[in-house]
Amino acid sequence: MTSEARLRLRAVKLVHTAVWAVFAGCIAAIPVLAWQQRPGVATVLAGLVLAEVVVLWLNGWRCPLTDVAARYTDDRRANFDIYLPEWLARYNKQIFGPLYAAGLLLLAIRWLASAA
């Protein structure tokens, strides 16, 4: 791998990690905000995550940044494109998908309770 390819891969990994952190933070914040009776903010975050889910769905459940990173390396470990531990990169959807669904459920319950 050339030094230019290494630099570009590093840049993609940094951006990918930052984007992941934002969405992971949103997913973690949704149930907290719902519990704190701040459903408006929680709904905005849920919508942002939903937009990311649509992007993933349209891209075959792969982040588009994975395809960009793949241009610069032959490595295909689960974390070749992001600065996460390999186990977390491998099971990211299995971990954060149910957390997102649980957050949405709590948000819906809190919305319904406040409307009653």
PDB file of N, CA and C in Angstrom:
ATOM      1  N   MET A   1       0.850  -1.172   0.000  1.00  0.00           N
ATOM      2  CA  MET A   1       0.000   0.000   0.000  1.00  0.00           C
ATOM      3  C   MET A   1       0.898   1.238   0.000  1.00  0.00           C
ATOM      4  N   THR A   2       0.560   2.169  -0.866  1.00  0.00           N
ATOM      5  CA  THR A   2       1.354   3.398  -0.944  1.00  0.00           C
ATOM      6  C   THR A   2       1.069   4.293   0.265  1.00  0.00           C
ATOM      7  N   SER A   3       1.948   5.245   0.490  1.00  0.00           N
ATOM      8  CA  SER A   3       1.726   6.165   1.612  1.00  0.00           C
ATOM      9  C   SER A   3       0.489   7.021   1.373  1.00  0.00           C
ATOM     10  N   GLU A   4       0.208   7.361   0.114  1.00  0.00           N
ATOM     11  CA  GLU A   4      -1.005   8.122  -0.188  1.00  0.00           C
ATOM     12  C   GLU A   4      -2.256   7.296   0.124  1.00  0.00           C
ATOM     13  N   ALA A   5      -2.232   6.022  -0.240  1.00  0.00           N
ATOM     14  CA  ALA A   5      -3.371   5.145   0.058  1.00  0.00           C
ATOM     15  C   ALA A   5      -3.552   5.003   1.571  1.00  0.00           C
ATOM     16  N   ARG A   6      -2.460   4.881   2.308  1.00  0.00           N
ATOM     17  CA  ARG A   6      -2.548   4.806   3.772  1.00  0.00           C
ATOM     18  C   ARG A   6      -3.184   6.065   4.358  1.00  0.00           C
ATOM     19  N   LEU A   7      -2.776   7.222   3.852  1.00  0.00           N
ATOM     20  CA  LEU A   7      -3.343   8.485   4.340  1.00  0.00           C
ATOM     21  C   LEU A   7      -4.828   8.591   4.010  1.00  0.00           C
ATOM     22  N   ARG A   8      -5.189   8.201   2.810  1.00  0.00           N
ATOM     23  CA  ARG A   8      -6.601   8.263   2.426  1.00  0.00           C
ATOM     24  C   ARG A   8      -7.436   7.282   3.243  1.00  0.00           C
ATOM     25  N   LEU A   9      -6.908   6.085   3.455  1.00  0.00           N
ATOM     26  CA  LEU A   9      -7.617   5.105   4.287  1.00  0.00           C
ATOM     27  C   LEU A   9      -7.771   5.635   5.699  1.00  0.00           C
ATOM     28  N   ARG A  10      -6.733   6.219   6.243  1.00  0.00           N
ATOM     29  CA  ARG A  10      -6.796   6.798   7.584  1.00  0.00           C
ATOM     30  C   ARG A  10      -7.872   7.882   7.656  1.00  0.00           C
ATOM     31  N   ALA A  11      -7.942   8.722   6.632  1.00  0.00           N
ATOM     32  CA  ALA A  11      -8.957   9.788   6.605  1.00  0.00           C
ATOM     33  C   ALA A  11     -10.365   9.199   6.560  1.00  0.00           C
ATOM     34  N   VAL A  12     -10.568   8.186   5.723  1.00  0.00           N
ATOM     35  CA  VAL A  12     -11.886   7.549   5.644  1.00  0.00           C
ATOM     36  C   VAL A  12     -12.243   6.913   6.983  1.00  0.00           C
ATOM     37  N   LYS A  13     -11.269   6.247   7.603  1.00  0.00           N
ATOM     38  CA  LYS A  13     -11.531   5.609   8.900  1.00  0.00           C
ATOM     39  C   LYS A  13     -11.886   6.644   9.973  1.00  0.00           C
ATOM     40  N   LEU A  14     -11.220   7.789   9.942  1.00  0.00           N
ATOM     41  CA  LEU A  14     -11.533   8.851  10.908  1.00  0.00           C
ATOM     42  C   LEU A  14     -12.955   9.379  10.706  1.00  0.00           C
ATOM     43  N   VAL A  15     -13.299   9.659   9.455  1.00  0.00           N
ATOM     44  CA  VAL A  15     -14.651  10.150   9.164  1.00  0.00           C
ATOM     45  C   VAL A  15     -15.685   9.086   9.521  1.00  0.00           C
ATOM     46  N   HIS A  16     -15.425   7.846   9.139  1.00  0.00           N
ATOM     47  CA  HIS A  16     -16.364   6.753   9.411  1.00  0.00           C
ATOM     48  C   HIS A  16     -16.567   6.575  10.914  1.00  0.00           C
ATOM     49  N   THR A  17     -15.497   6.660  11.670  1.00  0.00           N
ATOM     50  CA  THR A  17     -15.588   6.522  13.124  1.00  0.00           C
ATOM     51  C   THR A  17     -16.374   7.682  13.724  1.00  0.00           C
ATOM     52  N   ALA A  18     -16.152   8.883  13.230  1.00  0.00           N
ATOM     53  CA  ALA A  18     -16.894  10.048  13.739  1.00  0.00           C
ATOM     54  C   ALA A  18     -18.386   9.913  13.431  1.00  0.00           C
ATOM     55  N   VAL A  19     -18.711   9.499  12.220  1.00  0.00           N
ATOM     56  CA  VAL A  19     -20.120   9.305  11.846  1.00  0.00           C
ATOM     57  C   VAL A  19     -20.735   8.217  12.711  1.00  0.00           C
ATOM     58  N   TRP A  20     -20.018   7.112  12.893  1.00  0.00           N
ATOM     59  CA  TRP A  20     -20.512   6.024  13.750  1.00  0.00           C
ATOM     60  C   TRP A  20     -20.769   6.540  15.163  1.00  0.00           C
ATOM     61  N   ALA A  21     -19.851   7.332  15.699  1.00  0.00           N
ATOM     62  CA  ALA A  21     -20.005   7.848  17.063  1.00  0.00           C
ATOM     63  C   ALA A  21     -21.247   8.723  17.190  1.00  0.00           C
ATOM     64  N   VAL A  22     -21.513   9.531  16.186  1.00  0.00           N
ATOM     65  CA  VAL A  22     -22.705  10.379  16.216  1.00  0.00           C
ATOM     66  C   VAL A  22     -23.963   9.509  16.256  1.00  0.00           C
ATOM     67  N   PHE A  23     -24.040   8.510  15.383  1.00  0.00           N
ATOM     68  CA  PHE A  23     -25.240   7.676  15.351  1.00  0.00           C
ATOM     69  C   PHE A  23     -25.351   6.778  16.578  1.00  0.00           C
ATOM     70  N   ALA A  24     -24.241   6.257  17.062  1.00  0.00           N
ATOM     71  CA  ALA A  24     -24.278   5.466  18.301  1.00  0.00           C
ATOM     72  C   ALA A  24     -24.747   6.343  19.458  1.00  0.00           C
ATOM     73  N   GLY A  25     -24.270   7.590  19.493  1.00  0.00           N
ATOM     74  CA  GLY A  25     -24.712   8.524  20.525  1.00  0.00           C
ATOM     75  C   GLY A  25     -26.194   8.829  20.421  1.00  0.00           C
ATOM     76  N   CYS A  26     -26.685   8.994  19.196  1.00  0.00           N
ATOM     77  CA  CYS A  26     -28.120   9.223  19.001  1.00  0.00           C
ATOM     78  C   CYS A  26     -28.928   8.036  19.517  1.00  0.00           C
ATOM     79  N   ILE A  27     -28.493   6.835  19.171  1.00  0.00           N
ATOM     80  CA  ILE A  27     -29.209   5.631  19.599  1.00  0.00           C
ATOM     81  C   ILE A  27     -29.213   5.525  21.116  1.00  0.00           C
ATOM     82  N   ALA A  28     -28.097   5.839  21.747  1.00  0.00           N
ATOM     83  CA  ALA A  28     -28.019   5.794  23.215  1.00  0.00           C
ATOM     84  C   ALA A  28     -28.873   6.887  23.852  1.00  0.00           C
ATOM     85  N   ALA A  29     -28.974   8.035  23.195  1.00  0.00           N
ATOM     86  CA  ALA A  29     -29.702   9.169  23.772  1.00  0.00           C
ATOM     87  C   ALA A  29     -31.215   9.029  23.652  1.00  0.00           C
ATOM     88  N   ILE A  30     -31.702   8.310  22.653  1.00  0.00           N
ATOM     89  CA  ILE A  30     -33.151   8.232  22.426  1.00  0.00           C
ATOM     90  C   ILE A  30     -33.906   7.746  23.663  1.00  0.00           C
ATOM     91  N   PRO A  31     -33.550   6.605  24.262  1.00  0.00           N
ATOM     92  CA  PRO A  31     -34.316   6.176  25.440  1.00  0.00           C
ATOM     93  C   PRO A  31     -34.119   7.103  26.634  1.00  0.00           C
ATOM     94  N   VAL A  32     -32.938   7.678  26.774  1.00  0.00           N
ATOM     95  CA  VAL A  32     -32.685   8.605  27.888  1.00  0.00           C
ATOM     96  C   VAL A  32     -33.584   9.823  27.750  1.00  0.00           C
ATOM     97  N   LEU A  33     -33.627  10.388  26.563  1.00  0.00           N
ATOM     98  CA  LEU A  33     -34.464  11.566  26.323  1.00  0.00           C
ATOM     99  C   LEU A  33     -35.947  11.231  26.466  1.00  0.00           C
ATOM    100  N   ALA A  34     -36.327  10.066  25.983  1.00  0.00           N
ATOM    101  CA  ALA A  34     -37.732   9.653  26.134  1.00  0.00           C
ATOM    102  C   ALA A  34     -38.076   9.528  27.608  1.00  0.00           C
ATOM    103  N   TRP A  35     -37.199   8.924  28.375  1.00  0.00           N
ATOM    104  CA  TRP A  35     -37.429   8.761  29.812  1.00  0.00           C
ATOM    105  C   TRP A  35     -37.510  10.112  30.525  1.00  0.00           C
ATOM    106  N   GLN A  36     -36.709  11.057  30.069  1.00  0.00           N
ATOM    107  CA  GLN A  36     -36.707  12.405  30.656  1.00  0.00           C
ATOM    108  C   GLN A  36     -37.868  13.260  30.155  1.00  0.00           C
ATOM    109  N   GLN A  37     -38.773  12.642  29.432  1.00  0.00           N
ATOM    110  CA  GLN A  37     -39.943  13.322  28.875  1.00  0.00           C
ATOM    111  C   GLN A  37     -39.549  14.466  27.939  1.00  0.00           C
ATOM    112  N   ARG A  38     -38.569  14.171  27.095  1.00  0.00           N
ATOM    113  CA  ARG A  38     -38.144  15.107  26.048  1.00  0.00           C
ATOM    114  C   ARG A  38     -38.351  14.420  24.695  1.00  0.00           C
ATOM    115  N   PRO A  39     -39.609  14.067  24.409  1.00  0.00           N
ATOM    116  CA  PRO A  39     -39.871  13.266  23.205  1.00  0.00           C
ATOM    117  C   PRO A  39     -39.577  13.999  21.901  1.00  0.00           C
ATOM    118  N   GLY A  40     -39.651  15.321  21.899  1.00  0.00           N
ATOM    119  CA  GLY A  40     -39.360  16.054  20.665  1.00  0.00           C
ATOM    120  C   GLY A  40     -37.932  15.850  20.210  1.00  0.00           C
ATOM    121  N   VAL A  41     -36.996  16.020  21.122  1.00  0.00           N
ATOM    122  CA  VAL A  41     -35.572  15.837  20.796  1.00  0.00           C
ATOM    123  C   VAL A  41     -35.303  14.377  20.443  1.00  0.00           C
ATOM    124  N   ALA A  42     -35.898  13.468  21.224  1.00  0.00           N
ATOM    125  CA  ALA A  42     -35.713  12.044  20.951  1.00  0.00           C
ATOM    126  C   ALA A  42     -36.237  11.677  19.563  1.00  0.00           C
ATOM    127  N   THR A  43     -37.339  12.273  19.166  1.00  0.00           N
ATOM    128  CA  THR A  43     -37.918  12.003  17.844  1.00  0.00           C
ATOM    129  C   THR A  43     -37.009  12.513  16.732  1.00  0.00           C
ATOM    130  N   VAL A  44     -36.413  13.666  16.929  1.00  0.00           N
ATOM    131  CA  VAL A  44     -35.467  14.192  15.932  1.00  0.00           C
ATOM    132  C   VAL A  44     -34.289  13.230  15.776  1.00  0.00           C
ATOM    133  N   LEU A  45     -33.742  12.772  16.896  1.00  0.00           N
ATOM    134  CA  LEU A  45     -32.613  11.833  16.832  1.00  0.00           C
ATOM    135  C   LEU A  45     -33.036  10.520  16.174  1.00  0.00           C
ATOM    136  N   ALA A  46     -34.240  10.052  16.509  1.00  0.00           N
ATOM    137  CA  ALA A  46     -34.748   8.818  15.894  1.00  0.00           C
ATOM    138  C   ALA A  46     -34.878   8.994  14.385  1.00  0.00           C
ATOM    139  N   GLY A  47     -35.293  10.178  13.954  1.00  0.00           N
ATOM    140  CA  GLY A  47     -35.393  10.449  12.521  1.00  0.00           C
ATOM    141  C   GLY A  47     -34.040  10.470  11.835  1.00  0.00           C
ATOM    142  N   LEU A  48     -33.045  11.018  12.520  1.00  0.00           N
ATOM    143  CA  LEU A  48     -31.681  11.010  11.955  1.00  0.00           C
ATOM    144  C   LEU A  48     -31.171   9.584  11.790  1.00  0.00           C
ATOM    145  N   VAL A  49     -31.406   8.773  12.810  1.00  0.00           N
ATOM    146  CA  VAL A  49     -30.970   7.377  12.723  1.00  0.00           C
ATOM    147  C   VAL A  49     -31.750   6.650  11.632  1.00  0.00           C
ATOM    148  N   LEU A  50     -33.040   6.936  11.516  1.00  0.00           N
ATOM    149  CA  LEU A  50     -33.836   6.317  10.458  1.00  0.00           C
ATOM    150  C   LEU A  50     -33.273   6.673   9.077  1.00  0.00           C
ATOM    151  N   ALA A  51     -32.851   7.909   8.906  1.00  0.00           N
ATOM    152  CA  ALA A  51     -32.239   8.304   7.629  1.00  0.00           C
ATOM    153  C   ALA A  51     -30.989   7.472   7.357  1.00  0.00           C
ATOM    154  N   GLU A  52     -30.189   7.229   8.385  1.00  0.00           N
ATOM    155  CA  GLU A  52     -28.999   6.386   8.222  1.00  0.00           C
ATOM    156  C   GLU A  52     -29.390   4.954   7.897  1.00  0.00           C
ATOM    157  N   VAL A  53     -30.436   4.449   8.520  1.00  0.00           N
ATOM    158  CA  VAL A  53     -30.918   3.092   8.222  1.00  0.00           C
ATOM    159  C   VAL A  53     -31.326   2.999   6.754  1.00  0.00           C
ATOM    160  N   VAL A  54     -31.995   4.012   6.250  1.00  0.00           N
ATOM    161  CA  VAL A  54     -32.393   4.017   4.835  1.00  0.00           C
ATOM    162  C   VAL A  54     -31.159   4.012   3.934  1.00  0.00           C
ATOM    163  N   VAL A  55     -30.154   4.813   4.268  1.00  0.00           N
ATOM    164  CA  VAL A  55     -28.907   4.822   3.488  1.00  0.00           C
ATOM    165  C   VAL A  55     -28.275   3.428   3.488  1.00  0.00           C
ATOM    166  N   LEU A  56     -28.212   2.809   4.656  1.00  0.00           N
ATOM    167  CA  LEU A  56     -27.642   1.451   4.735  1.00  0.00           C
ATOM    168  C   LEU A  56     -28.460   0.470   3.906  1.00  0.00           C
ATOM    169  N   TRP A  57     -29.776   0.547   4.036  1.00  0.00           N
ATOM    170  CA  TRP A  57     -30.664  -0.354   3.300  1.00  0.00           C
ATOM    171  C   TRP A  57     -30.462  -0.198   1.791  1.00  0.00           C
ATOM    172  N   LEU A  58     -30.407   1.044   1.321  1.00  0.00           N
ATOM    173  CA  LEU A  58     -30.219   1.287  -0.110  1.00  0.00           C
ATOM    174  C   LEU A  58     -28.849   0.837  -0.608  1.00  0.00           C
ATOM    175  N   ASN A  59     -27.907   0.707   0.316  1.00  0.00           N
ATOM    176  CA  ASN A  59     -26.545   0.293  -0.050  1.00  0.00           C
ATOM    177  C   ASN A  59     -26.277  -1.166   0.333  1.00  0.00           C
ATOM    178  N   GLY A  60     -27.315  -1.976   0.399  1.00  0.00           N
ATOM    179  CA  GLY A  60     -27.130  -3.400   0.700  1.00  0.00           C
ATOM    180  C   GLY A  60     -26.666  -3.658   2.111  1.00  0.00           C
ATOM    181  N   TRP A  61     -27.112  -2.826   3.055  1.00  0.00           N
ATOM    182  CA  TRP A  61     -26.774  -2.920   4.481  1.00  0.00           C
ATOM    183  C   TRP A  61     -25.287  -2.735   4.745  1.00  0.00           C
ATOM    184  N   ARG A  62     -24.642  -1.961   3.879  1.00  0.00           N
ATOM    185  CA  ARG A  62     -23.237  -1.582   4.067  1.00  0.00           C
ATOM    186  C   ARG A  62     -23.152  -0.072   4.086  1.00  0.00           C
ATOM    187  N   CYS A  63     -22.285   0.440   4.914  1.00  0.00           N
ATOM    188  CA  CYS A  63     -22.051   1.876   4.923  1.00  0.00           C
ATOM    189  C   CYS A  63     -21.334   2.253   3.621  1.00  0.00           C
ATOM    190  N   PRO A  64     -21.753   3.321   2.973  1.00  0.00           N
ATOM    191  CA  PRO A  64     -21.055   3.744   1.755  1.00  0.00           C
ATOM    192  C   PRO A  64     -19.571   4.042   1.995  1.00  0.00           C
ATOM    193  N   LEU A  65     -19.211   4.419   3.204  1.00  0.00           N
ATOM    194  CA  LEU A  65     -17.798   4.683   3.495  1.00  0.00           C
ATOM    195  C   LEU A  65     -16.965   3.403   3.457  1.00  0.00           C
ATOM    196  N   THR A  66     -17.595   2.253   3.675  1.00  0.00           N
ATOM    197  CA  THR A  66     -16.883   0.978   3.553  1.00  0.00           C
ATOM    198  C   THR A  66     -16.392   0.795   2.125  1.00  0.00           C
ATOM    199  N   ASP A  67     -17.252   1.130   1.165  1.00  0.00           N
ATOM    200  CA  ASP A  67     -16.857   1.014  -0.246  1.00  0.00           C
ATOM    201  C   ASP A  67     -15.725   1.982  -0.593  1.00  0.00           C
ATOM    202  N   VAL A  68     -15.759   3.162  -0.004  1.00  0.00           N
ATOM    203  CA  VAL A  68     -14.677   4.132  -0.241  1.00  0.00           C
ATOM    204  C   VAL A  68     -13.373   3.590   0.346  1.00  0.00           C
ATOM    205  N   ALA A  69     -13.418   3.101   1.579  1.00  0.00           N
ATOM    206  CA  ALA A  69     -12.207   2.573   2.228  1.00  0.00           C
ATOM    207  C   ALA A  69     -11.640   1.387   1.463  1.00  0.00           C
ATOM    208  N   ALA A  70     -12.507   0.580   0.869  1.00  0.00           N
ATOM    209  CA  ALA A  70     -12.059  -0.613   0.146  1.00  0.00           C
ATOM    210  C   ALA A  70     -11.175  -0.275  -1.047  1.00  0.00           C
ATOM    211  N   ARG A  71     -11.267   0.937  -1.537  1.00  0.00           N
ATOM    212  CA  ARG A  71     -10.413   1.354  -2.663  1.00  0.00           C
ATOM    213  C   ARG A  71      -8.945   1.440  -2.272  1.00  0.00           C
ATOM    214  N   TYR A  72      -8.664   1.555  -0.977  1.00  0.00           N
ATOM    215  CA  TYR A  72      -7.310   1.855  -0.530  1.00  0.00           C
ATOM    216  C   TYR A  72      -6.614   0.704   0.180  1.00  0.00           C
ATOM    217  N   THR A  73      -7.289  -0.446   0.310  1.00  0.00           N
ATOM    218  CA  THR A  73      -6.666  -1.580   0.979  1.00  0.00           C
ATOM    219  C   THR A  73      -7.314  -2.879   0.514  1.00  0.00           C
ATOM    220  N   ASP A  74      -6.555  -3.966   0.637  1.00  0.00           N
ATOM    221  CA  ASP A  74      -7.107  -5.287   0.362  1.00  0.00           C
ATOM    222  C   ASP A  74      -7.622  -5.944   1.642  1.00  0.00           C
ATOM    223  N   ASP A  75      -7.367  -5.328   2.766  1.00  0.00           N
ATOM    224  CA  ASP A  75      -7.817  -5.834   4.064  1.00  0.00           C
ATOM    225  C   ASP A  75      -9.345  -5.842   4.087  1.00  0.00           C
ATOM    226  N   ARG A  76      -9.931  -6.922   4.556  1.00  0.00           N
ATOM    227  CA  ARG A  76     -11.386  -6.988   4.647  1.00  0.00           C
ATOM    228  C   ARG A  76     -11.855  -7.468   6.023  1.00  0.00           C
ATOM    229  N   ARG A  77     -11.005  -7.260   7.026  1.00  0.00           N
ATOM    230  CA  ARG A  77     -11.478  -7.556   8.382  1.00  0.00           C
ATOM    231  C   ARG A  77     -12.677  -6.667   8.677  1.00  0.00           C
ATOM    232  N   ALA A  78     -13.446  -7.026   9.664  1.00  0.00           N
ATOM    233  CA  ALA A  78     -14.673  -6.291   9.980  1.00  0.00           C
ATOM    234  C   ALA A  78     -14.399  -4.819  10.290  1.00  0.00           C
ATOM    235  N   ASN A  79     -13.211  -4.506  10.764  1.00  0.00           N
ATOM    236  CA  ASN A  79     -12.895  -3.120  11.144  1.00  0.00           C
ATOM    237  C   ASN A  79     -11.850  -2.472  10.241  1.00  0.00           C
ATOM    238  N   PHE A  80     -11.690  -2.964   9.015  1.00  0.00           N
ATOM    239  CA  PHE A  80     -10.678  -2.378   8.133  1.00  0.00           C
ATOM    240  C   PHE A  80     -10.992  -0.930   7.779  1.00  0.00           C
ATOM    241  N   ASP A  81     -12.256  -0.536   7.922  1.00  0.00           N
ATOM    242  CA  ASP A  81     -12.702   0.775   7.458  1.00  0.00           C
ATOM    243  C   ASP A  81     -13.099   1.733   8.581  1.00  0.00           C
ATOM    244  N   ILE A  82     -12.851   1.332   9.837  1.00  0.00           N
ATOM    245  CA  ILE A  82     -13.316   2.121  10.976  1.00  0.00           C
ATOM    246  C   ILE A  82     -12.427   1.829  12.175  1.00  0.00           C
ATOM    247  N   TYR A  83     -12.270   2.813  13.041  1.00  0.00           N
ATOM    248  CA  TYR A  83     -11.471   2.621  14.251  1.00  0.00           C
ATOM    249  C   TYR A  83     -12.358   2.125  15.386  1.00  0.00           C
ATOM    250  N   LEU A  84     -12.764   0.867  15.286  1.00  0.00           N
ATOM    251  CA  LEU A  84     -13.516   0.170  16.328  1.00  0.00           C
ATOM    252  C   LEU A  84     -12.849  -1.171  16.553  1.00  0.00           C
ATOM    253  N   PRO A  85     -13.029  -1.744  17.745  1.00  0.00           N
ATOM    254  CA  PRO A  85     -12.551  -3.116  17.928  1.00  0.00           C
ATOM    255  C   PRO A  85     -13.245  -4.025  16.908  1.00  0.00           C
ATOM    256  N   GLU A  86     -12.545  -5.045  16.472  1.00  0.00           N
ATOM    257  CA  GLU A  86     -13.092  -5.904  15.420  1.00  0.00           C
ATOM    258  C   GLU A  86     -14.438  -6.515  15.824  1.00  0.00           C
ATOM    259  N   TRP A  87     -14.563  -6.943  17.075  1.00  0.00           N
ATOM    260  CA  TRP A  87     -15.825  -7.559  17.506  1.00  0.00           C
ATOM    261  C   TRP A  87     -16.985  -6.571  17.413  1.00  0.00           C
ATOM    262  N   LEU A  88     -16.748  -5.303  17.747  1.00  0.00           N
ATOM    263  CA  LEU A  88     -17.811  -4.302  17.692  1.00  0.00           C
ATOM    264  C   LEU A  88     -18.166  -3.976  16.240  1.00  0.00           C
ATOM    265  N   ALA A  89     -17.167  -3.873  15.398  1.00  0.00           N
ATOM    266  CA  ALA A  89     -17.432  -3.630  13.980  1.00  0.00           C
ATOM    267  C   ALA A  89     -18.212  -4.794  13.375  1.00  0.00           C
ATOM    268  N   ARG A  90     -17.878  -6.008  13.774  1.00  0.00           N
ATOM    269  CA  ARG A  90     -18.542  -7.200  13.224  1.00  0.00           C
ATOM    270  C   ARG A  90     -20.008  -7.280  13.658  1.00  0.00           C
ATOM    271  N   TYR A  91     -20.293  -6.954  14.913  1.00  0.00           N
ATOM    272  CA  TYR A  91     -21.643  -7.117  15.459  1.00  0.00           C
ATOM    273  C   TYR A  91     -22.368  -5.794  15.673  1.00  0.00           C
ATOM    274  N   ASN A  92     -21.922  -4.757  15.019  1.00  0.00           N
ATOM    275  CA  ASN A  92     -22.479  -3.419  15.187  1.00  0.00           C
ATOM    276  C   ASN A  92     -23.996  -3.388  14.984  1.00  0.00           C
ATOM    277  N   LYS A  93     -24.475  -3.941  13.876  1.00  0.00           N
ATOM    278  CA  LYS A  93     -25.912  -3.914  13.594  1.00  0.00           C
ATOM    279  C   LYS A  93     -26.689  -4.761  14.592  1.00  0.00           C
ATOM    280  N   GLN A  94     -26.121  -5.893  15.004  1.00  0.00           N
ATOM    281  CA  GLN A  94     -26.799  -6.761  15.961  1.00  0.00           C
ATOM    282  C   GLN A  94     -26.882  -6.121  17.344  1.00  0.00           C
ATOM    283  N   ILE A  95     -25.954  -5.242  17.664  1.00  0.00           N
ATOM    284  CA  ILE A  95     -25.953  -4.555  18.961  1.00  0.00           C
ATOM    285  C   ILE A  95     -26.849  -3.318  18.902  1.00  0.00           C
ATOM    286  N   PHE A  96     -26.614  -2.452  17.927  1.00  0.00           N
ATOM    287  CA  PHE A  96     -27.298  -1.168  17.896  1.00  0.00           C
ATOM    288  C   PHE A  96     -28.695  -1.232  17.287  1.00  0.00           C
ATOM    289  N   GLY A  97     -28.974  -2.229  16.455  1.00  0.00           N
ATOM    290  CA  GLY A  97     -30.329  -2.394  15.910  1.00  0.00           C
ATOM    291  C   GLY A  97     -31.361  -2.612  17.019  1.00  0.00           C
ATOM    292  N   PRO A  98     -31.158  -3.606  17.886  1.00  0.00           N
ATOM    293  CA  PRO A  98     -32.108  -3.803  18.986  1.00  0.00           C
ATOM    294  C   PRO A  98     -32.151  -2.629  19.966  1.00  0.00           C
ATOM    295  N   LEU A  99     -31.022  -1.983  20.206  1.00  0.00           N
ATOM    296  CA  LEU A  99     -31.026  -0.800  21.081  1.00  0.00           C
ATOM    297  C   LEU A  99     -31.877   0.313  20.477  1.00  0.00           C
ATOM    298  N   TYR A 100     -31.761   0.497  19.173  1.00  0.00           N
ATOM    299  CA  TYR A 100     -32.566   1.502  18.479  1.00  0.00           C
ATOM    300  C   TYR A 100     -34.051   1.139  18.573  1.00  0.00           C
ATOM    301  N   ALA A 101     -34.372  -0.122  18.304  1.00  0.00           N
ATOM    302  CA  ALA A 101     -35.772  -0.569  18.376  1.00  0.00           C
ATOM    303  C   ALA A 101     -36.326  -0.388  19.789  1.00  0.00           C
ATOM    304  N   ALA A 102     -35.537  -0.726  20.802  1.00  0.00           N
ATOM    305  CA  ALA A 102     -35.986  -0.555  22.193  1.00  0.00           C
ATOM    306  C   ALA A 102     -36.194   0.920  22.512  1.00  0.00           C
ATOM    307  N   GLY A 103     -35.309   1.766  22.024  1.00  0.00           N
ATOM    308  CA  GLY A 103     -35.459   3.202  22.232  1.00  0.00           C
ATOM    309  C   GLY A 103     -36.719   3.728  21.569  1.00  0.00           C
ATOM    310  N   LEU A 104     -37.005   3.245  20.361  1.00  0.00           N
ATOM    311  CA  LEU A 104     -38.228   3.656  19.666  1.00  0.00           C
ATOM    312  C   LEU A 104     -39.472   3.194  20.418  1.00  0.00           C
ATOM    313  N   LEU A 105     -39.408   1.982  20.953  1.00  0.00           N
ATOM    314  CA  LEU A 105     -40.542   1.465  21.725  1.00  0.00           C
ATOM    315  C   LEU A 105     -40.784   2.316  22.967  1.00  0.00           C
ATOM    316  N   LEU A 106     -39.737   2.623  23.697  1.00  0.00           N
ATOM    317  CA  LEU A 106     -39.885   3.475  24.882  1.00  0.00           C
ATOM    318  C   LEU A 106     -40.390   4.856  24.480  1.00  0.00           C
ATOM    319  N   LEU A 107     -39.878   5.385  23.390  1.00  0.00           N
ATOM    320  CA  LEU A 107     -40.337   6.691  22.914  1.00  0.00           C
ATOM    321  C   LEU A 107     -41.828   6.650  22.584  1.00  0.00           C
ATOM    322  N   ALA A 108     -42.268   5.599  21.912  1.00  0.00           N
ATOM    323  CA  ALA A 108     -43.692   5.472  21.572  1.00  0.00           C
ATOM    324  C   ALA A 108     -44.540   5.360  22.829  1.00  0.00           C
ATOM    325  N   ILE A 109     -44.079   4.591  23.796  1.00  0.00           N
ATOM    326  CA  ILE A 109     -44.815   4.451  25.055  1.00  0.00           C
ATOM    327  C   ILE A 109     -44.930   5.798  25.754  1.00  0.00           C
ATOM    328  N   ARG A 110     -43.845   6.542  25.790  1.00  0.00           N
ATOM    329  CA  ARG A 110     -43.858   7.850  26.458  1.00  0.00           C
ATOM    330  C   ARG A 110     -44.754   8.843  25.712  1.00  0.00           C
ATOM    331  N   TRP A 111     -44.730   8.785  24.359  1.00  0.00           N
ATOM    332  CA  TRP A 111     -45.623   9.664  23.572  1.00  0.00           C
ATOM    333  C   TRP A 111     -47.065   9.344  23.912  1.00  0.00           C
ATOM    334  N   LEU A 112     -47.395   8.045  23.898  1.00  0.00           N
ATOM    335  CA  LEU A 112     -48.782   7.629  24.169  1.00  0.00           C
ATOM    336  C   LEU A 112     -49.209   8.000  25.586  1.00  0.00           C
ATOM    337  N   ALA A 113     -48.298   7.831  26.532  1.00  0.00           N
ATOM    338  CA  ALA A 113     -48.616   8.153  27.922  1.00  0.00           C
ATOM    339  C   ALA A 113     -48.853   9.650  28.098  1.00  0.00           C
ATOM    340  N   SER A 114     -48.105  10.464  27.383  1.00  0.00           N
ATOM    341  CA  SER A 114     -48.260  11.918  27.525  1.00  0.00           C
ATOM    342  C   SER A 114     -49.542  12.402  26.821  1.00  0.00           C
ATOM    343  N   ALA A 115     -50.005  11.635  25.834  1.00  0.00           N
ATOM    344  CA  ALA A 115     -51.213  12.026  25.107  1.00  0.00           C
ATOM    345  C   ALA A 115     -52.476  11.623  25.872  1.00  0.00           C
ATOM    346  N   ALA A 116     -52.327  10.699  26.797  1.00  0.00           N
ATOM    347  CA  ALA A 116     -53.508  10.200  27.537  1.00  0.00           C
ATOM    348  C   ALA A 116     -53.940  11.141  28.638  1.00  0.00           C
TER     349      ALA A 116
END
